[in-house]
């Protein structure tokens, strides 16, 4: 009897945590997009006001960042110092580090679009492109926050109810 009760508790808690995990993936996606958006804002400021070379800008951003943002800009900085590829190829290469995050492929494609103008000498075009990317990411963040609010209670309860259903079927 004690084993049955322990099994019932285990099934209910594990199914509830599955529901929580599904919702937390959305929350982690929002967090990662915010970090990326902030880093791109800093890059835009470096281009607009700092007038620093790209390798110095990437180094500055990586020093003041953490997690995958640091890895992204360190990877770019390393490739820029090697001087084997053009800036657009380096940007595309560095975006491959974003696959290890909760950021989805659509968001990565948005970030990759900056590769089209990063080699351009026109700073205004680069700034405009970064503004569009940041705006797209901010829209996606708002959509995900709405999705999170709508699905939070649903998946918490759905996980618990799935656990109860499993218990009813097996008992």
Protein backbone atom coordinates (compact mmCIF):
# COMPACT_ATOMS: atom_id res chain seq x y z
CA UNK A 1 0.00 0.00 0.00
CA UNK A 2 2.85 2.37 0.81
CA UNK A 3 4.43 1.66 -2.58
CA UNK A 4 1.13 2.51 -4.32
CA UNK A 5 0.91 5.84 -2.53
CA UNK A 6 4.53 6.63 -3.35
CA UNK A 7 3.87 5.72 -7.00
CA UNK A 8 0.77 7.93 -7.09
CA UNK A 9 2.70 10.87 -5.65
CA UNK A 10 5.59 10.27 -8.06
CA UNK A 11 3.29 10.13 -11.10
CA UNK A 12 1.43 13.31 -10.08
CA UNK A 13 4.57 15.30 -9.37
CA UNK A 14 6.42 14.14 -12.48
CA UNK A 15 3.52 14.92 -14.80
CA UNK A 16 3.06 18.31 -13.12
CA UNK A 17 6.75 19.04 -13.64
CA UNK A 18 6.41 18.10 -17.32
CA UNK A 19 3.74 20.78 -17.65
CA UNK A 20 5.93 23.27 -15.79
CA UNK A 21 8.90 22.38 -18.00
CA UNK A 22 6.92 23.08 -21.16
CA UNK A 23 5.97 26.53 -19.91
CA UNK A 24 9.49 27.27 -18.64
CA UNK A 25 10.90 26.65 -22.12
CA UNK A 26 8.90 29.68 -23.24
CA UNK A 27 10.24 31.69 -20.30
CA UNK A 28 13.83 30.68 -21.15
CA UNK A 29 13.23 31.62 -24.78
CA UNK A 30 12.09 35.07 -23.65
CA UNK A 31 15.17 35.43 -21.43
CA UNK A 32 17.54 34.45 -24.24
CA UNK A 33 15.87 36.82 -26.71
CA UNK A 34 16.15 39.65 -24.18
CA UNK A 35 19.86 38.95 -23.71
CA UNK A 36 20.41 38.85 -27.46
CA UNK A 37 18.40 42.02 -28.02
CA UNK A 38 20.39 43.85 -25.34
CA UNK A 39 23.68 42.69 -26.85
CA UNK A 40 22.60 43.90 -30.30
CA UNK A 41 21.63 47.24 -28.75
CA UNK A 42 25.15 47.51 -27.36
CA UNK A 43 26.62 46.60 -30.76
CA UNK A 44 24.44 49.25 -32.37
CA UNK A 45 25.68 51.81 -29.84
CA UNK A 46 29.29 50.78 -30.48
CA UNK A 47 28.78 51.29 -34.21
CA UNK A 48 26.83 54.52 -33.82
CA UNK A 49 28.69 56.32 -31.05
CA UNK A 50 31.89 54.42 -30.37
CA UNK A 51 33.16 54.30 -33.93
CA UNK A 52 35.27 51.33 -32.84
CA UNK A 53 36.43 48.56 -35.15
CA UNK A 54 34.25 45.47 -35.15
CA UNK A 55 36.80 43.29 -33.36
CA UNK A 56 37.08 45.79 -30.49
CA UNK A 57 33.29 46.12 -30.31
CA UNK A 58 32.85 42.35 -30.10
CA UNK A 59 35.52 42.15 -27.41
CA UNK A 60 33.83 44.90 -25.37
CA UNK A 61 30.45 43.22 -25.63
CA UNK A 62 31.84 39.83 -24.64
CA UNK A 63 33.52 41.32 -21.57
CA UNK A 64 30.23 42.73 -20.33
CA UNK A 65 28.05 39.74 -21.21
CA UNK A 66 27.49 36.27 -19.93
CA UNK A 67 26.12 32.96 -21.09
CA UNK A 68 25.77 32.38 -24.82
CA UNK A 69 26.17 36.08 -25.67
CA UNK A 70 29.72 36.00 -24.40
CA UNK A 71 30.41 32.85 -26.42
CA UNK A 72 28.83 34.39 -29.54
CA UNK A 73 30.92 37.56 -29.46
CA UNK A 74 34.12 35.80 -28.34
CA UNK A 75 33.74 33.45 -31.30
CA UNK A 76 33.29 36.45 -33.59
CA UNK A 77 36.27 38.22 -32.07
CA UNK A 78 38.47 35.16 -32.52
CA UNK A 79 37.47 34.84 -36.18
CA UNK A 80 37.95 38.57 -36.78
CA UNK A 81 41.48 38.44 -35.34
CA UNK A 82 42.35 35.50 -37.60
CA UNK A 83 41.32 37.63 -40.62
CA UNK A 84 40.56 34.62 -42.80
CA UNK A 85 36.93 35.39 -43.58
CA UNK A 86 34.95 38.50 -44.42
CA UNK A 87 32.75 40.04 -41.74
CA UNK A 88 29.52 38.64 -43.19
CA UNK A 89 30.90 35.10 -43.18
CA UNK A 90 32.14 35.57 -39.63
CA UNK A 91 28.70 36.78 -38.53
CA UNK A 92 27.02 33.76 -40.14
CA UNK A 93 29.60 31.46 -38.61
CA UNK A 94 29.12 32.97 -35.15
CA UNK A 95 25.34 32.54 -35.30
CA UNK A 96 25.91 28.79 -35.20
CA UNK A 97 26.69 29.20 -31.49
CA UNK A 98 23.08 30.33 -30.96
CA UNK A 99 21.83 26.80 -31.67
CA UNK A 100 22.79 25.79 -28.12
CA UNK A 101 20.15 28.09 -26.61
CA UNK A 102 16.38 28.26 -26.39
CA UNK A 103 16.34 30.61 -29.37
CA UNK A 104 14.54 29.01 -32.29
CA UNK A 105 15.60 28.87 -35.93
CA UNK A 106 13.31 31.76 -36.98
CA UNK A 107 15.04 34.06 -34.51
CA UNK A 108 18.45 32.91 -35.69
CA UNK A 109 17.46 33.69 -39.28
CA UNK A 110 16.51 37.20 -38.19
CA UNK A 111 19.93 37.64 -36.57
CA UNK A 112 21.66 36.17 -39.64
CA UNK A 113 20.09 38.89 -41.79
CA UNK A 114 22.63 41.35 -40.36
CA UNK A 115 25.32 39.50 -42.35
CA UNK A 116 24.02 41.23 -45.47
CA UNK A 117 25.07 44.68 -44.22
CA UNK A 118 27.84 44.06 -41.70
CA UNK A 119 30.52 44.36 -44.39
CA UNK A 120 28.99 47.55 -45.75
CA UNK A 121 30.90 50.74 -45.00
CA UNK A 122 27.70 52.75 -44.50
CA UNK A 123 27.23 52.93 -40.72
CA UNK A 124 23.68 54.26 -41.10
CA UNK A 125 22.70 51.17 -43.06
CA UNK A 126 24.21 48.94 -40.36
CA UNK A 127 22.39 50.86 -37.62
CA UNK A 128 19.11 50.71 -39.53
CA UNK A 129 19.51 46.98 -40.04
CA UNK A 130 20.26 46.44 -36.35
CA UNK A 131 17.20 48.53 -35.44
CA UNK A 132 15.01 46.29 -37.62
CA UNK A 133 16.48 43.15 -36.07
CA UNK A 134 16.02 44.47 -32.54
CA UNK A 135 12.46 45.51 -33.33
CA UNK A 136 11.71 42.04 -34.72
CA UNK A 137 13.15 40.44 -31.60
CA UNK A 138 11.14 42.76 -29.35
CA UNK A 139 7.93 41.83 -31.22
CA UNK A 140 8.77 38.16 -30.78
CA UNK A 141 9.38 38.74 -27.06
CA UNK A 142 5.95 40.37 -26.70
CA UNK A 143 4.32 37.46 -28.54
CA UNK A 144 6.09 34.95 -26.32
CA UNK A 145 5.14 36.83 -23.15
CA UNK A 146 1.49 36.72 -24.23
CA UNK A 147 1.84 33.03 -25.04
CA UNK A 148 3.45 32.43 -21.65
CA UNK A 149 0.62 34.18 -19.80
CA UNK A 150 -2.02 32.27 -21.78
CA UNK A 151 -0.43 28.85 -21.44
CA UNK A 152 1.01 29.02 -17.92
CA UNK A 153 -2.06 27.84 -16.00
CA UNK A 154 -3.15 25.58 -18.83
CA UNK A 155 0.02 23.48 -18.84
CA UNK A 156 0.39 23.46 -15.06
CA UNK A 157 -3.12 22.07 -14.73
CA UNK A 158 -2.84 19.85 -17.78
CA UNK A 159 0.27 18.19 -16.35
CA UNK A 160 -1.44 17.54 -13.04
CA UNK A 161 -4.61 16.25 -14.70
CA UNK A 162 -2.59 13.96 -16.95
CA UNK A 163 -1.01 12.51 -13.83
CA UNK A 164 -4.43 11.98 -12.28
CA UNK A 165 -5.67 10.34 -15.46
CA UNK A 166 -2.68 8.00 -15.45
CA UNK A 167 -3.37 7.09 -11.83
CA UNK A 168 -7.05 6.43 -12.52
CA UNK A 169 -6.21 4.21 -15.48
CA UNK A 170 -3.67 2.14 -13.56
CA UNK A 171 -5.60 1.88 -10.30
